[in-house]
């Protein structure tokens, strides 16, 4: 189960619309996306301690396995 859009919007505002990895503003790099640090198939949840808000570029890098 993913996060509702309302909660994602609040989280985007909370982080100042900045990617939590590269710190670029989403107006420059695209809408921030929720990334689970521990994947769902490994028991990862959408609790705050397990998520980051990332720009599309950083999110892709995480899923490509270039960051741990």
PDB file of N, CA and C in Angstrom:
ATOM      1  N   UNK A   1       0.839  -1.177   0.000  1.00  0.00           N
ATOM      2  CA  UNK A   1       0.000   0.000   0.000  1.00  0.00           C
ATOM      3  C   UNK A   1       0.888   1.246   0.000  1.00  0.00           C
ATOM      4  N   UNK A   2       0.647   2.140  -0.900  1.00  0.00           N
ATOM      5  CA  UNK A   2       1.454   3.358  -0.978  1.00  0.00           C
ATOM      6  C   UNK A   2       0.814   4.473  -0.150  1.00  0.00           C
ATOM      7  N   UNK A   3       1.488   5.602  -0.110  1.00  0.00           N
ATOM      8  CA  UNK A   3       0.990   6.761   0.637  1.00  0.00           C
ATOM      9  C   UNK A   3      -0.072   7.497  -0.170  1.00  0.00           C
ATOM     10  N   UNK A   4      -1.095   8.011   0.504  1.00  0.00           N
ATOM     11  CA  UNK A   4      -2.091   8.829  -0.190  1.00  0.00           C
ATOM     12  C   UNK A   4      -1.451  10.123  -0.711  1.00  0.00           C
ATOM     13  N   UNK A   5      -1.988  10.634  -1.802  1.00  0.00           N
ATOM     14  CA  UNK A   5      -1.451  11.856  -2.413  1.00  0.00           C
ATOM     15  C   UNK A   5      -1.407  13.034  -1.445  1.00  0.00           C
ATOM     16  N   UNK A   6      -2.383  13.132  -0.538  1.00  0.00           N
ATOM     17  CA  UNK A   6      -2.386  14.227   0.447  1.00  0.00           C
ATOM     18  C   UNK A   6      -1.147  14.170   1.332  1.00  0.00           C
ATOM     19  N   UNK A   7      -0.797  12.973   1.785  1.00  0.00           N
ATOM     20  CA  UNK A   7       0.379  12.826   2.643  1.00  0.00           C
ATOM     21  C   UNK A   7       1.656  13.113   1.867  1.00  0.00           C
ATOM     22  N   UNK A   8       1.713  12.685   0.629  1.00  0.00           N
ATOM     23  CA  UNK A   8       2.893  12.968  -0.197  1.00  0.00           C
ATOM     24  C   UNK A   8       3.043  14.475  -0.377  1.00  0.00           C
ATOM     25  N   UNK A   9       1.942  15.163  -0.621  1.00  0.00           N
ATOM     26  CA  UNK A   9       1.986  16.622  -0.781  1.00  0.00           C
ATOM     27  C   UNK A   9       2.503  17.290   0.492  1.00  0.00           C
ATOM     28  N   UNK A  10       2.055  16.831   1.650  1.00  0.00           N
ATOM     29  CA  UNK A  10       2.527  17.388   2.919  1.00  0.00           C
ATOM     30  C   UNK A  10       4.017  17.110   3.119  1.00  0.00           C
ATOM     31  N   UNK A  11       4.461  15.920   2.760  1.00  0.00           N
ATOM     32  CA  UNK A  11       5.884  15.581   2.890  1.00  0.00           C
ATOM     33  C   UNK A  11       6.739  16.423   1.948  1.00  0.00           C
ATOM     34  N   UNK A  12       6.265  16.629   0.713  1.00  0.00           N
ATOM     35  CA  UNK A  12       7.003  17.473  -0.236  1.00  0.00           C
ATOM     36  C   UNK A  12       7.168  18.879   0.329  1.00  0.00           C
ATOM     37  N   UNK A  13       6.110  19.391   0.927  1.00  0.00           N
ATOM     38  CA  UNK A  13       6.178  20.722   1.542  1.00  0.00           C
ATOM     39  C   UNK A  13       7.137  20.708   2.732  1.00  0.00           C
ATOM     40  N   UNK A  14       7.083  19.671   3.547  1.00  0.00           N
ATOM     41  CA  UNK A  14       7.931  19.558   4.739  1.00  0.00           C
ATOM     42  C   UNK A  14       9.417  19.605   4.390  1.00  0.00           C
ATOM     43  N   UNK A  15       9.809  18.957   3.282  1.00  0.00           N
ATOM     44  CA  UNK A  15      11.222  18.953   2.889  1.00  0.00           C
ATOM     45  C   UNK A  15      11.576  20.175   2.036  1.00  0.00           C
ATOM     46  N   UNK A  16      10.643  21.105   1.924  1.00  0.00           N
ATOM     47  CA  UNK A  16      10.910  22.335   1.185  1.00  0.00           C
ATOM     48  C   UNK A  16      10.992  22.129  -0.309  1.00  0.00           C
ATOM     49  N   UNK A  17      10.361  21.054  -0.806  1.00  0.00           N
ATOM     50  CA  UNK A  17      10.359  20.709  -2.231  1.00  0.00           C
ATOM     51  C   UNK A  17      11.760  20.452  -2.762  1.00  0.00           C
ATOM     52  N   UNK A  18      12.674  20.036  -1.845  1.00  0.00           N
ATOM     53  CA  UNK A  18      14.052  19.732  -2.215  1.00  0.00           C
ATOM     54  C   UNK A  18      14.277  18.231  -2.156  1.00  0.00           C
ATOM     55  N   UNK A  19      14.953  17.694  -3.171  1.00  0.00           N
ATOM     56  CA  UNK A  19      15.333  16.290  -3.173  1.00  0.00           C
ATOM     57  C   UNK A  19      16.214  16.041  -1.948  1.00  0.00           C
ATOM     58  N   UNK A  20      15.937  14.973  -1.223  1.00  0.00           N
ATOM     59  CA  UNK A  20      16.704  14.687  -0.011  1.00  0.00           C
ATOM     60  C   UNK A  20      18.090  14.121  -0.308  1.00  0.00           C
ATOM     61  N   UNK A  21      18.385  13.885  -1.551  1.00  0.00           N
ATOM     62  CA  UNK A  21      19.718  13.393  -1.916  1.00  0.00           C
ATOM     63  C   UNK A  21      20.559  14.509  -2.540  1.00  0.00           C
ATOM     64  N   UNK A  22      20.104  15.072  -3.653  1.00  0.00           N
ATOM     65  CA  UNK A  22      20.912  16.073  -4.365  1.00  0.00           C
ATOM     66  C   UNK A  22      20.569  17.518  -3.990  1.00  0.00           C
ATOM     67  N   UNK A  23      19.476  17.696  -3.240  1.00  0.00           N
ATOM     68  CA  UNK A  23      19.045  19.005  -2.736  1.00  0.00           C
ATOM     69  C   UNK A  23      18.550  19.965  -3.826  1.00  0.00           C
ATOM     70  N   UNK A  24      18.304  19.463  -5.027  1.00  0.00           N
ATOM     71  CA  UNK A  24      17.727  20.324  -6.065  1.00  0.00           C
ATOM     72  C   UNK A  24      16.237  20.516  -5.802  1.00  0.00           C
ATOM     73  N   UNK A  25      15.735  21.711  -6.149  1.00  0.00           N
ATOM     74  CA  UNK A  25      14.314  22.006  -6.005  1.00  0.00           C
ATOM     75  C   UNK A  25      13.545  21.287  -7.102  1.00  0.00           C
ATOM     76  N   UNK A  26      12.354  20.806  -6.758  1.00  0.00           N
ATOM     77  CA  UNK A  26      11.599  20.030  -7.736  1.00  0.00           C
ATOM     78  C   UNK A  26      11.192  20.842  -8.964  1.00  0.00           C
ATOM     79  N   UNK A  27      11.197  22.155  -8.868  1.00  0.00           N
ATOM     80  CA  UNK A  27      10.893  22.976 -10.040  1.00  0.00           C
ATOM     81  C   UNK A  27      12.012  22.869 -11.087  1.00  0.00           C
ATOM     82  N   UNK A  28      13.192  22.431 -10.654  1.00  0.00           N
ATOM     83  CA  UNK A  28      14.338  22.297 -11.565  1.00  0.00           C
ATOM     84  C   UNK A  28      14.553  20.866 -12.044  1.00  0.00           C
ATOM     85  N   UNK A  29      13.992  19.883 -11.312  1.00  0.00           N
ATOM     86  CA  UNK A  29      14.325  18.497 -11.641  1.00  0.00           C
ATOM     87  C   UNK A  29      13.118  17.568 -11.756  1.00  0.00           C
ATOM     88  N   UNK A  30      11.942  18.056 -11.487  1.00  0.00           N
ATOM     89  CA  UNK A  30      10.750  17.218 -11.564  1.00  0.00           C
ATOM     90  C   UNK A  30      10.174  16.932 -10.196  1.00  0.00           C
ATOM     91  N   UNK A  31       8.916  16.567 -10.175  1.00  0.00           N
ATOM     92  CA  UNK A  31       8.183  16.327  -8.925  1.00  0.00           C
ATOM     93  C   UNK A  31       8.853  15.241  -8.099  1.00  0.00           C
ATOM     94  N   UNK A  32       8.998  15.500  -6.806  1.00  0.00           N
ATOM     95  CA  UNK A  32       9.631  14.551  -5.903  1.00  0.00           C
ATOM     96  C   UNK A  32       8.813  13.264  -5.812  1.00  0.00           C
ATOM     97  N   UNK A  33       9.518  12.160  -5.667  1.00  0.00           N
ATOM     98  CA  UNK A  33       8.908  10.845  -5.591  1.00  0.00           C
ATOM     99  C   UNK A  33       9.282  10.184  -4.269  1.00  0.00           C
ATOM    100  N   UNK A  34       8.362   9.379  -3.749  1.00  0.00           N
ATOM    101  CA  UNK A  34       8.606   8.657  -2.505  1.00  0.00           C
ATOM    102  C   UNK A  34       9.449   7.419  -2.812  1.00  0.00           C
ATOM    103  N   UNK A  35      10.531   7.277  -2.080  1.00  0.00           N
ATOM    104  CA  UNK A  35      11.410   6.106  -2.224  1.00  0.00           C
ATOM    105  C   UNK A  35      11.513   5.406  -0.879  1.00  0.00           C
ATOM    106  N   UNK A  36      11.235   4.098  -0.873  1.00  0.00           N
ATOM    107  CA  UNK A  36      11.417   3.308   0.348  1.00  0.00           C
ATOM    108  C   UNK A  36      12.864   2.835   0.394  1.00  0.00           C
ATOM    109  N   UNK A  37      13.539   3.149   1.490  1.00  0.00           N
ATOM    110  CA  UNK A  37      14.934   2.756   1.636  1.00  0.00           C
ATOM    111  C   UNK A  37      15.057   1.232   1.704  1.00  0.00           C
ATOM    112  N   UNK A  38      14.190   0.610   2.444  1.00  0.00           N
ATOM    113  CA  UNK A  38      14.114  -0.853   2.464  1.00  0.00           C
ATOM    114  C   UNK A  38      12.917  -1.213   1.600  1.00  0.00           C
ATOM    115  N   UNK A  39      13.153  -1.948   0.543  1.00  0.00           N
ATOM    116  CA  UNK A  39      12.113  -2.254  -0.433  1.00  0.00           C
ATOM    117  C   UNK A  39      10.964  -3.060   0.161  1.00  0.00           C
ATOM    118  N   UNK A  40       9.831  -2.951  -0.488  1.00  0.00           N
ATOM    119  CA  UNK A  40       8.639  -3.644  -0.029  1.00  0.00           C
ATOM    120  C   UNK A  40       8.815  -5.152   0.039  1.00  0.00           C
ATOM    121  N   UNK A  41       9.518  -5.726  -0.933  1.00  0.00           N
ATOM    122  CA  UNK A  41       9.707  -7.177  -0.927  1.00  0.00           C
ATOM    123  C   UNK A  41      10.696  -7.621   0.151  1.00  0.00           C
ATOM    124  N   UNK A  42      11.302  -6.655   0.829  1.00  0.00           N
ATOM    125  CA  UNK A  42      12.204  -6.945   1.951  1.00  0.00           C
ATOM    126  C   UNK A  42      11.567  -6.521   3.275  1.00  0.00           C
ATOM    127  N   UNK A  43      10.270  -6.282   3.238  1.00  0.00           N
ATOM    128  CA  UNK A  43       9.555  -5.893   4.448  1.00  0.00           C
ATOM    129  C   UNK A  43       9.505  -4.402   4.699  1.00  0.00           C
ATOM    130  N   UNK A  44       9.978  -3.599   3.760  1.00  0.00           N
ATOM    131  CA  UNK A  44       9.969  -2.143   3.931  1.00  0.00           C
ATOM    132  C   UNK A  44       8.568  -1.574   3.882  1.00  0.00           C
ATOM    133  N   UNK A  45       8.324  -0.590   4.716  1.00  0.00           N
ATOM    134  CA  UNK A  45       7.013   0.052   4.802  1.00  0.00           C
ATOM    135  C   UNK A  45       7.131   1.512   4.376  1.00  0.00           C
ATOM    136  N   UNK A  46       6.001   2.196   4.414  1.00  0.00           N
ATOM    137  CA  UNK A  46       5.980   3.618   4.106  1.00  0.00           C
ATOM    138  C   UNK A  46       6.024   4.466   5.377  1.00  0.00           C
ATOM    139  N   UNK A  47       6.609   3.931   6.458  1.00  0.00           N
ATOM    140  CA  UNK A  47       6.792   4.725   7.660  1.00  0.00           C
ATOM    141  C   UNK A  47       7.862   5.778   7.388  1.00  0.00           C
ATOM    142  N   UNK A  48       7.767   6.895   8.081  1.00  0.00           N
ATOM    143  CA  UNK A  48       8.679   8.010   7.832  1.00  0.00           C
ATOM    144  C   UNK A  48      10.150   7.616   7.930  1.00  0.00           C
ATOM    145  N   UNK A  49      10.488   6.726   8.834  1.00  0.00           N
ATOM    146  CA  UNK A  49      11.895   6.357   8.998  1.00  0.00           C
ATOM    147  C   UNK A  49      12.417   5.511   7.830  1.00  0.00           C
ATOM    148  N   UNK A  50      11.531   5.076   6.933  1.00  0.00           N
ATOM    149  CA  UNK A  50      11.948   4.225   5.820  1.00  0.00           C
ATOM    150  C   UNK A  50      11.799   4.901   4.463  1.00  0.00           C
ATOM    151  N   UNK A  51      11.419   6.159   4.428  1.00  0.00           N
ATOM    152  CA  UNK A  51      11.221   6.803   3.129  1.00  0.00           C
ATOM    153  C   UNK A  51      12.093   8.045   2.977  1.00  0.00           C
ATOM    154  N   UNK A  52      12.355   8.355   1.716  1.00  0.00           N
ATOM    155  CA  UNK A  52      13.018   9.596   1.319  1.00  0.00           C
ATOM    156  C   UNK A  52      12.223  10.159   0.159  1.00  0.00           C
ATOM    157  N   UNK A  53      12.249  11.469   0.014  1.00  0.00           N
ATOM    158  CA  UNK A  53      11.658  12.096  -1.155  1.00  0.00           C
ATOM    159  C   UNK A  53      12.792  12.460  -2.096  1.00  0.00           C
ATOM    160  N   UNK A  54      12.733  11.899  -3.289  1.00  0.00           N
ATOM    161  CA  UNK A  54      13.813  12.053  -4.257  1.00  0.00           C
ATOM    162  C   UNK A  54      13.306  12.624  -5.564  1.00  0.00           C
ATOM    163  N   UNK A  55      14.178  13.331  -6.255  1.00  0.00           N
ATOM    164  CA  UNK A  55      13.858  13.773  -7.611  1.00  0.00           C
ATOM    165  C   UNK A  55      13.866  12.527  -8.510  1.00  0.00           C
ATOM    166  N   UNK A  56      13.272  12.616  -9.689  1.00  0.00           N
ATOM    167  CA  UNK A  56      13.260  11.450 -10.579  1.00  0.00           C
ATOM    168  C   UNK A  56      14.659  10.916 -10.900  1.00  0.00           C
ATOM    169  N   UNK A  57      15.647  11.795 -11.069  1.00  0.00           N
ATOM    170  CA  UNK A  57      17.009  11.344 -11.383  1.00  0.00           C
ATOM    171  C   UNK A  57      17.604  10.521 -10.243  1.00  0.00           C
ATOM    172  N   UNK A  58      17.525  11.038  -9.022  1.00  0.00           N
ATOM    173  CA  UNK A  58      18.071  10.316  -7.868  1.00  0.00           C
ATOM    174  C   UNK A  58      17.301   9.028  -7.610  1.00  0.00           C
ATOM    175  N   UNK A  59      15.995   9.068  -7.811  1.00  0.00           N
ATOM    176  CA  UNK A  59      15.182   7.871  -7.611  1.00  0.00           C
ATOM    177  C   UNK A  59      15.618   6.776  -8.591  1.00  0.00           C
ATOM    178  N   UNK A  60      15.874   7.162  -9.811  1.00  0.00           N
ATOM    179  CA  UNK A  60      16.343   6.199 -10.812  1.00  0.00           C
ATOM    180  C   UNK A  60      17.704   5.615 -10.414  1.00  0.00           C
ATOM    181  N   UNK A  61      18.588   6.459  -9.931  1.00  0.00           N
ATOM    182  CA  UNK A  61      19.918   6.004  -9.511  1.00  0.00           C
ATOM    183  C   UNK A  61      19.806   4.975  -8.389  1.00  0.00           C
ATOM    184  N   UNK A  62      18.925   5.229  -7.419  1.00  0.00           N
ATOM    185  CA  UNK A  62      18.730   4.258  -6.336  1.00  0.00           C
ATOM    186  C   UNK A  62      18.279   2.917  -6.895  1.00  0.00           C
ATOM    187  N   UNK A  63      17.307   2.944  -7.800  1.00  0.00           N
ATOM    188  CA  UNK A  63      16.770   1.691  -8.322  1.00  0.00           C
ATOM    189  C   UNK A  63      17.729   1.010  -9.294  1.00  0.00           C
ATOM    190  N   UNK A  64      18.647   1.746  -9.853  1.00  0.00           N
ATOM    191  CA  UNK A  64      19.667   1.142 -10.719  1.00  0.00           C
ATOM    192  C   UNK A  64      20.757   0.491  -9.889  1.00  0.00           C
ATOM    193  N   UNK A  65      20.724   0.700  -8.568  1.00  0.00           N
ATOM    194  CA  UNK A  65      21.673   0.066  -7.674  1.00  0.00           C
ATOM    195  C   UNK A  65      22.990   0.800  -7.534  1.00  0.00           C
ATOM    196  N   UNK A  66      23.040   2.057  -7.966  1.00  0.00           N
ATOM    197  CA  UNK A  66      24.280   2.806  -7.881  1.00  0.00           C
ATOM    198  C   UNK A  66      24.490   3.425  -6.502  1.00  0.00           C
ATOM    199  N   UNK A  67      23.430   3.522  -5.706  1.00  0.00           N
ATOM    200  CA  UNK A  67      23.533   3.971  -4.322  1.00  0.00           C
ATOM    201  C   UNK A  67      22.983   2.858  -3.457  1.00  0.00           C
ATOM    202  N   UNK A  68      23.459   2.756  -2.246  1.00  0.00           N
ATOM    203  CA  UNK A  68      22.940   1.746  -1.314  1.00  0.00           C
ATOM    204  C   UNK A  68      21.948   2.365  -0.367  1.00  0.00           C
TER     205      UNK A  68
END
